[in-house]
């Protein structure tokens, strides 16, 4: 009788087999065209949460999105925690020449729930997580004092949206982004994805309010 670990591995390997034997063959021309390089239009920064599938949400194909995922869709300010996120931003902007950067938060985010109670001793066993989430701590200021018992769905949603706005501000501390913005070569946008409803809204940086995708498309002159 297979263990839970073995069953999980079998499921993954069967998925790979299905991709190799069927999915790849259906899209062979696309994958062959990507073999020698990439030119994605968008740097998509989102949470590591397993319930989020950026390509499914945006209905994009391989090669369209340059994706950065981490706990809480966080962008440390430039110089604070130089590492994977900072290097990905530099590469995407300076080498790949992406035209858009999207920061996408989501509902029921465990990182945002933890942010309500970050000084809890339970985080002593997760010092790396605790330190990482400090990069989102300023988002709490917009909601006032928060405690663990405040971490309900609506509070987590509000905090996730404030965090998206904070991370957009952090993006503007990165020299590569600042240069591209000054040259009019890139645009930044914040999104919030509701897992249960499947709805994505755009978080307006000026008003700090939700806007529907339909409304934003209308502003861009797209008939919907």
N, C-alpha and C. Protein backbone atom coordinates (compact mmCIF):
# COMPACT_ATOMS: atom_id res chain seq x y z
N UNK A 1 0.85 -1.20 0.00
CA UNK A 1 0.00 0.00 0.00
C UNK A 1 0.88 1.25 0.00
N UNK A 2 0.66 2.10 -0.98
CA UNK A 2 1.49 3.29 -1.12
C UNK A 2 1.21 4.30 -0.01
N UNK A 3 2.26 5.00 0.41
CA UNK A 3 2.12 6.03 1.41
C UNK A 3 1.60 7.31 0.75
N UNK A 4 1.22 8.26 1.57
CA UNK A 4 0.73 9.55 1.05
C UNK A 4 1.82 10.24 0.25
N UNK A 5 3.07 10.13 0.69
CA UNK A 5 4.19 10.74 -0.02
C UNK A 5 4.35 10.10 -1.39
N UNK A 6 4.28 8.77 -1.44
CA UNK A 6 4.41 8.08 -2.72
C UNK A 6 3.27 8.41 -3.67
N UNK A 7 2.05 8.50 -3.13
CA UNK A 7 0.91 8.83 -3.97
C UNK A 7 1.05 10.23 -4.57
N UNK A 8 1.56 11.14 -3.78
CA UNK A 8 1.77 12.50 -4.26
C UNK A 8 2.79 12.53 -5.39
N UNK A 9 3.88 11.77 -5.22
CA UNK A 9 4.91 11.71 -6.24
C UNK A 9 4.38 11.06 -7.52
N UNK A 10 3.61 10.00 -7.37
CA UNK A 10 3.02 9.32 -8.53
C UNK A 10 2.14 10.29 -9.32
N UNK A 11 1.33 11.09 -8.61
CA UNK A 11 0.45 12.04 -9.28
C UNK A 11 1.26 13.06 -10.07
N UNK A 12 2.36 13.53 -9.49
CA UNK A 12 3.21 14.49 -10.19
C UNK A 12 3.82 13.88 -11.45
N UNK A 13 4.35 12.67 -11.31
CA UNK A 13 5.01 12.02 -12.44
C UNK A 13 4.02 11.68 -13.55
N UNK A 14 2.82 11.30 -13.17
CA UNK A 14 1.79 11.03 -14.18
C UNK A 14 1.43 12.32 -14.93
N UNK A 15 1.44 13.42 -14.19
CA UNK A 15 1.18 14.70 -14.83
C UNK A 15 2.26 15.04 -15.84
N UNK A 16 3.51 14.78 -15.48
CA UNK A 16 4.62 15.02 -16.41
C UNK A 16 4.48 14.13 -17.64
N UNK A 17 4.13 12.88 -17.42
CA UNK A 17 3.96 11.94 -18.52
C UNK A 17 2.86 12.41 -19.48
N UNK A 18 1.75 12.91 -18.90
CA UNK A 18 0.64 13.40 -19.72
C UNK A 18 1.08 14.62 -20.52
N UNK A 19 1.84 15.51 -19.88
CA UNK A 19 2.35 16.69 -20.58
C UNK A 19 3.24 16.28 -21.75
N UNK A 20 4.17 15.37 -21.47
CA UNK A 20 5.16 14.96 -22.49
C UNK A 20 4.49 14.27 -23.68
N UNK A 21 3.52 13.42 -23.39
CA UNK A 21 2.94 12.59 -24.44
C UNK A 21 1.76 13.23 -25.16
N UNK A 22 1.07 14.18 -24.49
CA UNK A 22 -0.12 14.74 -25.11
C UNK A 22 -0.08 16.27 -25.23
N UNK A 23 0.10 16.96 -24.10
CA UNK A 23 0.05 18.42 -24.13
C UNK A 23 1.16 19.01 -24.99
N UNK A 24 2.38 18.52 -24.79
CA UNK A 24 3.50 19.04 -25.58
C UNK A 24 3.27 18.82 -27.07
N UNK A 25 2.81 17.65 -27.41
CA UNK A 25 2.60 17.34 -28.83
C UNK A 25 1.56 18.26 -29.46
N UNK A 26 0.55 18.65 -28.68
CA UNK A 26 -0.48 19.55 -29.20
C UNK A 26 0.06 20.96 -29.42
N UNK A 27 1.09 21.32 -28.65
CA UNK A 27 1.63 22.68 -28.72
C UNK A 27 3.12 22.67 -29.09
N UNK A 28 3.53 21.69 -29.84
CA UNK A 28 4.94 21.53 -30.18
C UNK A 28 5.52 22.79 -30.83
N UNK A 29 4.79 23.38 -31.73
CA UNK A 29 5.30 24.56 -32.45
C UNK A 29 5.59 25.72 -31.50
N UNK A 30 4.70 25.92 -30.51
CA UNK A 30 4.91 26.99 -29.54
C UNK A 30 6.17 26.74 -28.72
N UNK A 31 6.33 25.53 -28.20
CA UNK A 31 7.48 25.23 -27.37
C UNK A 31 8.79 25.29 -28.16
N UNK A 32 8.75 24.86 -29.40
CA UNK A 32 9.95 24.94 -30.22
C UNK A 32 10.34 26.38 -30.48
N UNK A 33 9.32 27.26 -30.61
CA UNK A 33 9.61 28.68 -30.85
C UNK A 33 10.22 29.35 -29.62
N UNK A 34 9.98 28.77 -28.44
CA UNK A 34 10.50 29.34 -27.20
C UNK A 34 11.86 28.78 -26.80
N UNK A 35 12.32 27.79 -27.54
CA UNK A 35 13.53 27.07 -27.14
C UNK A 35 14.77 27.95 -27.08
N UNK A 36 14.83 28.98 -27.91
CA UNK A 36 16.05 29.79 -28.01
C UNK A 36 15.98 31.12 -27.28
N UNK A 37 14.88 31.39 -26.57
CA UNK A 37 14.81 32.66 -25.85
C UNK A 37 13.39 33.01 -25.44
N UNK A 38 13.29 34.10 -24.68
CA UNK A 38 11.99 34.54 -24.21
C UNK A 38 11.84 36.04 -24.37
N UNK A 39 10.61 36.50 -24.52
CA UNK A 39 10.34 37.94 -24.57
C UNK A 39 8.98 38.22 -23.93
N UNK A 40 8.86 37.95 -22.64
CA UNK A 40 7.59 38.16 -21.97
C UNK A 40 7.23 39.65 -21.91
N UNK A 41 5.94 39.94 -21.91
CA UNK A 41 5.50 41.33 -21.85
C UNK A 41 5.37 41.82 -20.42
N UNK A 42 5.23 40.87 -19.47
CA UNK A 42 4.85 41.25 -18.11
C UNK A 42 5.65 40.52 -17.05
N UNK A 43 6.09 41.27 -16.05
CA UNK A 43 6.63 40.69 -14.83
C UNK A 43 5.45 40.57 -13.86
N UNK A 44 5.13 39.36 -13.48
CA UNK A 44 3.96 39.09 -12.64
C UNK A 44 4.45 38.63 -11.28
N UNK A 45 4.22 39.45 -10.26
CA UNK A 45 4.67 39.15 -8.90
C UNK A 45 3.46 38.75 -8.06
N UNK A 46 3.46 37.54 -7.57
CA UNK A 46 2.32 37.07 -6.80
C UNK A 46 2.77 36.16 -5.67
N UNK A 47 1.80 35.67 -4.92
CA UNK A 47 2.07 34.84 -3.74
C UNK A 47 2.41 33.40 -4.15
N UNK A 48 3.11 32.72 -3.27
CA UNK A 48 3.44 31.31 -3.51
C UNK A 48 2.24 30.39 -3.33
N UNK A 49 1.14 30.92 -2.82
CA UNK A 49 -0.05 30.13 -2.53
C UNK A 49 -0.41 29.20 -3.69
N UNK A 50 -0.61 27.93 -3.37
CA UNK A 50 -0.84 26.91 -4.41
C UNK A 50 -2.15 27.09 -5.16
N UNK A 51 -3.03 27.93 -4.64
CA UNK A 51 -4.33 28.12 -5.29
C UNK A 51 -4.30 29.15 -6.41
N UNK A 52 -3.16 29.76 -6.61
CA UNK A 52 -3.04 30.82 -7.63
C UNK A 52 -2.30 30.28 -8.84
N UNK A 53 -2.91 30.42 -10.00
CA UNK A 53 -2.29 30.00 -11.26
C UNK A 53 -2.27 31.22 -12.18
N UNK A 54 -1.15 31.96 -12.21
CA UNK A 54 -1.10 33.21 -12.98
C UNK A 54 -1.48 33.05 -14.45
N UNK A 55 -1.01 32.00 -15.08
CA UNK A 55 -1.31 31.82 -16.50
C UNK A 55 -2.78 31.53 -16.74
N UNK A 56 -3.42 30.83 -15.79
CA UNK A 56 -4.84 30.56 -15.93
C UNK A 56 -5.65 31.83 -15.71
N UNK A 57 -5.29 32.60 -14.69
CA UNK A 57 -6.01 33.84 -14.39
C UNK A 57 -5.95 34.80 -15.57
N UNK A 58 -4.79 34.92 -16.18
CA UNK A 58 -4.59 35.88 -17.26
C UNK A 58 -4.82 35.29 -18.64
N UNK A 59 -5.05 33.98 -18.68
CA UNK A 59 -5.25 33.29 -19.96
C UNK A 59 -4.10 33.57 -20.93
N UNK A 60 -2.89 33.41 -20.40
CA UNK A 60 -1.69 33.61 -21.19
C UNK A 60 -1.00 32.27 -21.46
N UNK A 61 -0.08 32.30 -22.39
CA UNK A 61 0.65 31.09 -22.80
C UNK A 61 2.07 31.11 -22.26
N UNK A 62 2.75 29.95 -22.32
CA UNK A 62 4.17 29.94 -21.94
C UNK A 62 4.93 31.00 -22.74
N UNK A 63 5.79 31.74 -22.05
CA UNK A 63 6.56 32.79 -22.71
C UNK A 63 5.97 34.18 -22.54
N UNK A 64 4.73 34.28 -22.03
CA UNK A 64 4.08 35.60 -21.91
C UNK A 64 4.37 36.28 -20.58
N UNK A 65 4.53 35.50 -19.51
CA UNK A 65 4.72 36.06 -18.18
C UNK A 65 6.07 35.66 -17.60
N UNK A 66 6.76 36.63 -17.00
CA UNK A 66 7.96 36.36 -16.21
C UNK A 66 7.48 36.41 -14.77
N UNK A 67 7.45 35.27 -14.09
CA UNK A 67 6.74 35.16 -12.82
C UNK A 67 7.69 35.09 -11.63
N UNK A 68 7.39 35.92 -10.63
CA UNK A 68 8.09 35.88 -9.35
C UNK A 68 7.06 35.54 -8.28
N UNK A 69 7.31 34.50 -7.50
CA UNK A 69 6.38 34.09 -6.46
C UNK A 69 7.11 34.00 -5.13
N UNK A 70 6.47 34.51 -4.10
CA UNK A 70 7.00 34.37 -2.76
C UNK A 70 5.88 34.54 -1.75
N UNK A 71 6.16 34.27 -0.50
CA UNK A 71 5.15 34.39 0.56
C UNK A 71 4.71 35.85 0.67
N UNK A 72 3.44 36.13 0.38
CA UNK A 72 2.90 37.47 0.55
C UNK A 72 3.12 38.41 -0.62
N UNK A 73 3.54 37.89 -1.78
CA UNK A 73 3.83 38.72 -2.98
C UNK A 73 4.56 40.02 -2.59
N UNK A 74 5.71 39.83 -1.96
CA UNK A 74 6.47 40.94 -1.39
C UNK A 74 7.62 41.37 -2.29
N UNK A 75 7.83 42.68 -2.34
CA UNK A 75 8.98 43.28 -3.03
C UNK A 75 9.75 44.09 -2.00
N UNK A 76 10.83 43.56 -1.45
CA UNK A 76 11.59 44.34 -0.47
C UNK A 76 12.10 45.64 -1.11
N UNK A 77 12.10 46.74 -0.37
CA UNK A 77 12.68 47.98 -0.91
C UNK A 77 14.11 47.74 -1.36
N UNK A 78 14.55 48.47 -2.36
CA UNK A 78 15.90 48.29 -2.88
C UNK A 78 16.93 48.52 -1.78
N UNK A 79 17.85 47.58 -1.66
CA UNK A 79 18.91 47.69 -0.68
C UNK A 79 18.60 47.02 0.64
N UNK A 80 17.32 46.69 0.90
CA UNK A 80 16.95 46.08 2.16
C UNK A 80 17.32 44.60 2.21
N UNK A 81 16.86 43.85 1.21
CA UNK A 81 17.10 42.40 1.18
C UNK A 81 17.42 42.02 -0.26
N UNK A 82 18.59 42.39 -0.72
CA UNK A 82 18.98 42.08 -2.09
C UNK A 82 19.06 40.56 -2.26
N UNK A 83 18.41 40.06 -3.28
CA UNK A 83 18.38 38.62 -3.49
C UNK A 83 17.54 38.27 -4.70
N UNK A 84 16.78 37.19 -4.59
CA UNK A 84 16.06 36.65 -5.74
C UNK A 84 15.07 37.64 -6.33
N UNK A 85 14.29 38.31 -5.47
CA UNK A 85 13.27 39.23 -5.99
C UNK A 85 13.92 40.41 -6.69
N UNK A 86 14.90 41.01 -6.06
CA UNK A 86 15.57 42.16 -6.66
C UNK A 86 16.25 41.81 -7.97
N UNK A 87 16.90 40.66 -8.03
CA UNK A 87 17.59 40.28 -9.26
C UNK A 87 16.60 39.97 -10.37
N UNK A 88 15.44 39.38 -10.01
CA UNK A 88 14.42 39.10 -11.01
C UNK A 88 13.85 40.39 -11.59
N UNK A 89 13.67 41.40 -10.73
CA UNK A 89 13.16 42.69 -11.20
C UNK A 89 14.16 43.33 -12.16
N UNK A 90 15.42 43.36 -11.78
CA UNK A 90 16.45 43.93 -12.63
C UNK A 90 16.51 43.23 -13.98
N UNK A 91 16.49 41.91 -13.95
CA UNK A 91 16.59 41.14 -15.19
C UNK A 91 15.37 41.38 -16.08
N UNK A 92 14.20 41.37 -15.47
CA UNK A 92 12.97 41.54 -16.25
C UNK A 92 12.92 42.91 -16.91
N UNK A 93 13.33 43.94 -16.18
CA UNK A 93 13.24 45.31 -16.70
C UNK A 93 14.39 45.64 -17.65
N UNK A 94 15.61 45.29 -17.27
CA UNK A 94 16.78 45.72 -18.04
C UNK A 94 17.12 44.79 -19.20
N UNK A 95 16.86 43.51 -19.04
CA UNK A 95 17.22 42.55 -20.10
C UNK A 95 16.01 42.15 -20.93
N UNK A 96 14.94 41.73 -20.25
CA UNK A 96 13.76 41.27 -20.99
C UNK A 96 12.90 42.42 -21.48
N UNK A 97 13.09 43.59 -20.92
CA UNK A 97 12.36 44.80 -21.34
C UNK A 97 10.84 44.62 -21.23
N UNK A 98 10.38 44.08 -20.10
CA UNK A 98 8.94 43.92 -19.91
C UNK A 98 8.27 45.29 -19.93
N UNK A 99 7.01 45.31 -20.36
CA UNK A 99 6.25 46.56 -20.48
C UNK A 99 5.35 46.81 -19.27
N UNK A 100 5.11 45.76 -18.50
CA UNK A 100 4.22 45.89 -17.36
C UNK A 100 4.78 45.11 -16.18
N UNK A 101 4.51 45.62 -14.98
CA UNK A 101 4.75 44.85 -13.76
C UNK A 101 3.43 44.82 -13.00
N UNK A 102 2.97 43.62 -12.68
CA UNK A 102 1.74 43.43 -11.91
C UNK A 102 2.10 42.82 -10.57
N UNK A 103 1.58 43.41 -9.50
CA UNK A 103 1.67 42.80 -8.17
C UNK A 103 0.27 42.32 -7.83
N UNK A 104 0.13 41.02 -7.60
CA UNK A 104 -1.19 40.43 -7.40
C UNK A 104 -1.31 39.78 -6.03
N UNK A 105 -2.16 40.36 -5.17
CA UNK A 105 -2.49 39.74 -3.90
C UNK A 105 -3.73 38.88 -4.04
N UNK A 106 -4.16 38.26 -2.95
CA UNK A 106 -5.31 37.35 -3.07
C UNK A 106 -6.06 37.19 -1.76
N UNK A 107 -7.24 36.65 -1.86
CA UNK A 107 -8.08 36.40 -0.69
C UNK A 107 -7.52 35.26 0.15
N UNK A 108 -7.92 35.24 1.43
CA UNK A 108 -7.54 34.15 2.33
C UNK A 108 -6.03 33.92 2.35
N UNK A 109 -5.27 35.01 2.31
CA UNK A 109 -3.81 34.91 2.26
C UNK A 109 -3.25 34.64 3.65
N UNK A 110 -2.57 33.52 3.81
CA UNK A 110 -2.00 33.16 5.10
C UNK A 110 -0.97 34.15 5.58
N UNK A 111 -0.22 34.74 4.65
CA UNK A 111 0.80 35.72 5.02
C UNK A 111 0.15 36.96 5.63
N UNK A 112 -0.99 37.37 5.07
CA UNK A 112 -1.67 38.56 5.60
C UNK A 112 -2.29 38.25 6.96
N UNK A 113 -2.79 37.04 7.13
CA UNK A 113 -3.29 36.63 8.44
C UNK A 113 -2.20 36.65 9.48
N UNK A 114 -1.02 36.18 9.09
CA UNK A 114 0.12 36.18 10.01
C UNK A 114 0.55 37.59 10.36
N UNK A 115 0.40 38.50 9.41
CA UNK A 115 0.81 39.88 9.62
C UNK A 115 0.02 40.55 10.75
N UNK A 116 -1.20 40.06 10.98
CA UNK A 116 -2.02 40.59 12.07
C UNK A 116 -1.46 40.24 13.43
N UNK A 117 -0.60 39.24 13.49
CA UNK A 117 -0.14 38.71 14.79
C UNK A 117 1.34 38.34 14.71
N UNK A 118 2.11 39.20 14.07
CA UNK A 118 3.50 38.85 13.74
C UNK A 118 4.41 38.72 14.96
N UNK A 119 4.01 39.31 16.09
CA UNK A 119 4.85 39.22 17.28
C UNK A 119 4.52 38.02 18.16
N UNK A 120 3.62 37.19 17.69
CA UNK A 120 3.24 35.99 18.43
C UNK A 120 4.45 35.06 18.59
N UNK A 121 4.67 34.52 19.79
CA UNK A 121 5.81 33.61 20.01
C UNK A 121 5.85 32.42 19.06
N UNK A 122 4.70 32.08 18.46
CA UNK A 122 4.71 30.93 17.54
C UNK A 122 5.65 31.16 16.36
N UNK A 123 5.92 32.43 16.06
CA UNK A 123 6.82 32.72 14.94
C UNK A 123 8.29 32.61 15.33
N UNK A 124 8.56 32.35 16.60
CA UNK A 124 9.95 32.15 17.01
C UNK A 124 10.58 30.96 16.29
N UNK A 125 9.73 29.99 15.92
CA UNK A 125 10.23 28.82 15.20
C UNK A 125 10.35 29.08 13.70
N UNK A 126 9.89 30.25 13.27
CA UNK A 126 9.95 30.61 11.84
C UNK A 126 10.57 31.99 11.70
N UNK A 127 11.80 32.17 12.13
CA UNK A 127 12.41 33.51 12.09
C UNK A 127 12.56 34.07 10.69
N UNK A 128 12.77 33.19 9.71
CA UNK A 128 12.92 33.68 8.34
C UNK A 128 11.61 34.23 7.81
N UNK A 129 10.51 33.52 8.11
CA UNK A 129 9.19 34.00 7.71
C UNK A 129 8.88 35.33 8.39
N UNK A 130 9.16 35.39 9.68
CA UNK A 130 8.89 36.61 10.44
C UNK A 130 9.65 37.80 9.88
N UNK A 131 10.93 37.59 9.59
CA UNK A 131 11.74 38.67 9.04
C UNK A 131 11.25 39.08 7.66
N UNK A 132 10.87 38.10 6.85
CA UNK A 132 10.39 38.38 5.49
C UNK A 132 9.12 39.23 5.52
N UNK A 133 8.20 38.88 6.42
CA UNK A 133 6.93 39.58 6.49
C UNK A 133 7.06 40.99 7.05
N UNK A 134 8.19 41.31 7.66
CA UNK A 134 8.41 42.68 8.09
C UNK A 134 8.36 43.63 6.90
N UNK A 135 8.64 43.13 5.71
CA UNK A 135 8.59 43.95 4.50
C UNK A 135 7.17 44.33 4.11
N UNK A 136 6.19 43.74 4.80
CA UNK A 136 4.79 44.07 4.54
C UNK A 136 4.14 44.76 5.73
N UNK A 137 4.90 44.92 6.79
CA UNK A 137 4.33 45.39 8.05
C UNK A 137 3.68 46.77 7.94
N UNK A 138 4.24 47.64 7.10
CA UNK A 138 3.69 49.00 6.97
C UNK A 138 2.27 49.00 6.42
N UNK A 139 1.87 47.91 5.75
CA UNK A 139 0.51 47.83 5.22
C UNK A 139 -0.53 47.83 6.33
N UNK A 140 -0.13 47.39 7.51
CA UNK A 140 -1.07 47.35 8.64
C UNK A 140 -1.47 48.74 9.11
N UNK A 141 -0.63 49.72 8.88
CA UNK A 141 -0.89 51.07 9.39
C UNK A 141 -2.19 51.64 8.86
N UNK A 142 -2.55 51.28 7.64
CA UNK A 142 -3.77 51.80 7.03
C UNK A 142 -5.03 51.25 7.70
N UNK A 143 -4.89 50.14 8.44
CA UNK A 143 -6.04 49.50 9.06
C UNK A 143 -6.08 49.74 10.57
N UNK A 144 -5.06 50.39 11.11
CA UNK A 144 -5.02 50.61 12.55
C UNK A 144 -4.50 49.40 13.29
N UNK A 145 -4.57 49.40 14.62
CA UNK A 145 -4.06 48.28 15.43
C UNK A 145 -4.80 46.98 15.10
N UNK A 146 -4.06 45.92 14.87
CA UNK A 146 -4.65 44.62 14.55
C UNK A 146 -4.16 43.56 15.52
N UNK A 147 -5.03 42.63 15.84
CA UNK A 147 -4.68 41.49 16.69
C UNK A 147 -5.02 40.20 15.97
N UNK A 148 -4.59 39.09 16.51
CA UNK A 148 -4.81 37.80 15.87
C UNK A 148 -6.29 37.56 15.60
N UNK A 149 -7.15 37.95 16.55
CA UNK A 149 -8.58 37.71 16.39
C UNK A 149 -9.22 38.58 15.31
N UNK A 150 -8.47 39.56 14.82
CA UNK A 150 -8.98 40.41 13.75
C UNK A 150 -8.81 39.80 12.36
N UNK A 151 -8.09 38.70 12.28
CA UNK A 151 -7.71 38.14 10.99
C UNK A 151 -8.85 37.36 10.31
N UNK A 152 -10.00 38.01 10.15
CA UNK A 152 -11.11 37.42 9.42
C UNK A 152 -10.99 37.71 7.94
N UNK A 153 -11.89 37.15 7.12
CA UNK A 153 -11.81 37.31 5.67
C UNK A 153 -11.75 38.76 5.19
N UNK A 154 -12.59 39.65 5.75
CA UNK A 154 -12.60 41.03 5.29
C UNK A 154 -11.33 41.77 5.67
N UNK A 155 -10.84 41.53 6.90
CA UNK A 155 -9.60 42.19 7.32
C UNK A 155 -8.43 41.71 6.48
N UNK A 156 -8.38 40.41 6.23
CA UNK A 156 -7.30 39.86 5.40
C UNK A 156 -7.37 40.43 3.99
N UNK A 157 -8.59 40.59 3.47
CA UNK A 157 -8.74 41.18 2.14
C UNK A 157 -8.23 42.61 2.12
N UNK A 158 -8.65 43.41 3.10
CA UNK A 158 -8.20 44.81 3.16
C UNK A 158 -6.69 44.89 3.31
N UNK A 159 -6.15 44.03 4.16
CA UNK A 159 -4.71 44.04 4.39
C UNK A 159 -3.96 43.61 3.14
N UNK A 160 -4.49 42.61 2.43
CA UNK A 160 -3.86 42.15 1.19
C UNK A 160 -3.84 43.26 0.14
N UNK A 161 -4.92 44.05 0.08
CA UNK A 161 -4.96 45.13 -0.89
C UNK A 161 -4.01 46.27 -0.50
N UNK A 162 -3.95 46.57 0.78
CA UNK A 162 -2.98 47.59 1.23
C UNK A 162 -1.55 47.11 0.99
N UNK A 163 -1.34 45.82 1.14
CA UNK A 163 -0.01 45.26 0.90
C UNK A 163 0.37 45.37 -0.58
N UNK A 164 -0.58 45.16 -1.46
CA UNK A 164 -0.30 45.33 -2.90
C UNK A 164 0.18 46.76 -3.16
N UNK A 165 -0.53 47.74 -2.60
CA UNK A 165 -0.13 49.13 -2.80
C UNK A 165 1.26 49.41 -2.21
N UNK A 166 1.54 48.82 -1.07
CA UNK A 166 2.85 48.99 -0.45
C UNK A 166 3.96 48.41 -1.33
N UNK A 167 3.72 47.24 -1.88
CA UNK A 167 4.75 46.60 -2.71
C UNK A 167 4.96 47.36 -4.02
N UNK A 168 3.91 48.00 -4.53
CA UNK A 168 4.08 48.86 -5.71
C UNK A 168 4.99 50.04 -5.35
N UNK A 169 4.80 50.59 -4.14
CA UNK A 169 5.67 51.67 -3.69
C UNK A 169 7.11 51.19 -3.56
N UNK A 170 7.28 49.97 -3.05
CA UNK A 170 8.62 49.40 -2.94
C UNK A 170 9.27 49.23 -4.31
N UNK A 171 8.47 48.85 -5.30
CA UNK A 171 9.01 48.69 -6.66
C UNK A 171 9.65 49.99 -7.14
N UNK A 172 9.06 51.10 -6.73
CA UNK A 172 9.55 52.40 -7.18
C UNK A 172 10.84 52.83 -6.48
N UNK A 173 11.37 51.98 -5.61
CA UNK A 173 12.68 52.25 -5.02
C UNK A 173 13.79 51.53 -5.80
N UNK A 174 13.43 50.69 -6.74
CA UNK A 174 14.42 49.93 -7.50
C UNK A 174 14.89 50.75 -8.70
N UNK A 175 16.18 51.00 -8.81
CA UNK A 175 16.70 51.85 -9.88
C UNK A 175 16.25 51.45 -11.28
N UNK A 176 16.22 50.16 -11.56
CA UNK A 176 15.81 49.72 -12.90
C UNK A 176 14.37 50.14 -13.20
N UNK A 177 13.52 50.02 -12.20
CA UNK A 177 12.11 50.40 -12.38
C UNK A 177 11.98 51.91 -12.51
N UNK A 178 12.67 52.65 -11.67
CA UNK A 178 12.63 54.11 -11.71
C UNK A 178 13.04 54.61 -13.09
N UNK A 179 14.13 54.05 -13.62
CA UNK A 179 14.61 54.46 -14.94
C UNK A 179 13.61 54.17 -16.04
N UNK A 180 13.01 52.98 -15.99
CA UNK A 180 12.04 52.60 -17.02
C UNK A 180 10.77 53.45 -16.93
N UNK A 181 10.35 53.77 -15.70
CA UNK A 181 9.18 54.64 -15.53
C UNK A 181 9.46 56.04 -16.07
N UNK A 182 10.64 56.55 -15.77
CA UNK A 182 11.00 57.90 -16.23
C UNK A 182 11.04 57.98 -17.75
N UNK A 183 11.42 56.88 -18.37
CA UNK A 183 11.51 56.84 -19.83
C UNK A 183 10.17 56.48 -20.49
N UNK A 184 9.15 56.23 -19.67
CA UNK A 184 7.85 55.86 -20.21
C UNK A 184 7.83 54.49 -20.85
N UNK A 185 8.71 53.62 -20.36
CA UNK A 185 8.85 52.30 -20.98
C UNK A 185 8.11 51.19 -20.23
N UNK A 186 7.50 51.53 -19.10
CA UNK A 186 6.89 50.49 -18.29
C UNK A 186 5.70 51.07 -17.51
N UNK A 187 4.77 50.20 -17.15
CA UNK A 187 3.63 50.60 -16.31
C UNK A 187 3.48 49.60 -15.18
N UNK A 188 3.06 50.09 -14.02
CA UNK A 188 2.85 49.25 -12.85
C UNK A 188 1.37 49.16 -12.54
N UNK A 189 0.94 48.00 -12.05
CA UNK A 189 -0.47 47.83 -11.70
C UNK A 189 -0.60 46.84 -10.55
N UNK A 190 -1.55 47.09 -9.66
CA UNK A 190 -1.83 46.19 -8.55
C UNK A 190 -3.16 45.49 -8.74
N UNK A 191 -3.20 44.19 -8.45
CA UNK A 191 -4.42 43.40 -8.59
C UNK A 191 -4.73 42.70 -7.27
N UNK A 192 -6.02 42.37 -7.13
CA UNK A 192 -6.45 41.50 -6.04
C UNK A 192 -7.33 40.41 -6.64
N UNK A 193 -6.98 39.16 -6.33
CA UNK A 193 -7.68 38.00 -6.88
C UNK A 193 -8.47 37.31 -5.79
N UNK A 194 -9.79 37.21 -5.98
CA UNK A 194 -10.64 36.50 -5.04
C UNK A 194 -10.75 35.04 -5.48
N UNK A 195 -10.19 34.16 -4.69
CA UNK A 195 -10.11 32.75 -5.09
C UNK A 195 -11.49 32.13 -5.26
N UNK A 196 -12.40 32.40 -4.32
CA UNK A 196 -13.71 31.76 -4.36
C UNK A 196 -14.57 32.18 -5.52
N UNK A 197 -14.52 33.46 -5.88
CA UNK A 197 -15.37 33.96 -6.97
C UNK A 197 -14.66 33.98 -8.31
N UNK A 198 -13.33 33.91 -8.28
CA UNK A 198 -12.56 33.98 -9.52
C UNK A 198 -12.40 35.40 -10.04
N UNK A 199 -12.87 36.39 -9.28
CA UNK A 199 -12.84 37.77 -9.73
C UNK A 199 -11.49 38.43 -9.45
N UNK A 200 -11.00 39.18 -10.42
CA UNK A 200 -9.80 40.00 -10.27
C UNK A 200 -10.22 41.46 -10.33
N UNK A 201 -9.76 42.25 -9.38
CA UNK A 201 -9.99 43.70 -9.44
C UNK A 201 -8.64 44.40 -9.46
N UNK A 202 -8.63 45.59 -10.02
CA UNK A 202 -7.42 46.41 -10.08
C UNK A 202 -7.48 47.39 -8.90
N UNK A 203 -6.37 47.52 -8.18
CA UNK A 203 -6.30 48.43 -7.05
C UNK A 203 -5.70 49.75 -7.53
N UNK A 204 -6.52 50.79 -7.57
CA UNK A 204 -6.08 52.09 -8.06
C UNK A 204 -5.12 52.73 -7.05
N UNK A 205 -3.94 53.08 -7.50
CA UNK A 205 -2.93 53.63 -6.58
C UNK A 205 -3.30 55.02 -6.08
N UNK A 206 -4.02 55.79 -6.89
CA UNK A 206 -4.36 57.15 -6.49
C UNK A 206 -5.49 57.18 -5.47
N UNK A 207 -6.55 56.42 -5.74
CA UNK A 207 -7.72 56.42 -4.85
C UNK A 207 -7.64 55.34 -3.79
N UNK A 208 -6.75 54.36 -4.01
CA UNK A 208 -6.60 53.20 -3.12
C UNK A 208 -7.89 52.38 -3.05
N UNK A 209 -8.66 52.42 -4.14
CA UNK A 209 -9.92 51.71 -4.21
C UNK A 209 -9.89 50.65 -5.31
N UNK A 210 -10.85 49.70 -5.22
CA UNK A 210 -10.99 48.67 -6.26
C UNK A 210 -11.59 49.26 -7.54
N UNK A 211 -11.13 48.74 -8.66
CA UNK A 211 -11.76 49.05 -9.94
C UNK A 211 -11.95 47.75 -10.69
N UNK A 212 -13.06 47.61 -11.38
CA UNK A 212 -13.28 46.38 -12.13
C UNK A 212 -12.40 46.36 -13.36
N UNK A 213 -12.10 45.17 -13.82
CA UNK A 213 -11.32 45.02 -15.05
C UNK A 213 -12.07 45.66 -16.21
N UNK A 214 -13.39 45.51 -16.23
CA UNK A 214 -14.20 46.10 -17.29
C UNK A 214 -14.02 47.63 -17.35
N UNK A 215 -14.03 48.26 -16.16
CA UNK A 215 -13.87 49.72 -16.13
C UNK A 215 -12.49 50.14 -16.61
N UNK A 216 -11.46 49.42 -16.21
CA UNK A 216 -10.10 49.76 -16.62
C UNK A 216 -9.94 49.58 -18.12
N UNK A 217 -10.52 48.52 -18.65
CA UNK A 217 -10.47 48.31 -20.10
C UNK A 217 -11.19 49.45 -20.82
N UNK A 218 -12.30 49.91 -20.26
CA UNK A 218 -13.03 51.03 -20.86
C UNK A 218 -12.17 52.28 -20.92
N UNK A 219 -11.41 52.55 -19.84
CA UNK A 219 -10.52 53.70 -19.82
C UNK A 219 -9.45 53.60 -20.90
N UNK A 220 -9.11 52.38 -21.26
CA UNK A 220 -8.08 52.15 -22.29
C UNK A 220 -8.67 52.13 -23.68
N UNK A 221 -9.98 52.42 -23.75
CA UNK A 221 -10.61 52.49 -25.07
C UNK A 221 -11.00 51.15 -25.66
N UNK A 222 -11.06 50.13 -24.79
CA UNK A 222 -11.42 48.79 -25.26
C UNK A 222 -12.91 48.56 -25.03
N UNK A 223 -13.63 48.23 -26.08
CA UNK A 223 -15.05 47.96 -25.96
C UNK A 223 -15.26 46.57 -25.35
N UNK A 224 -16.05 46.51 -24.28
CA UNK A 224 -16.30 45.22 -23.62
C UNK A 224 -17.80 45.00 -23.47
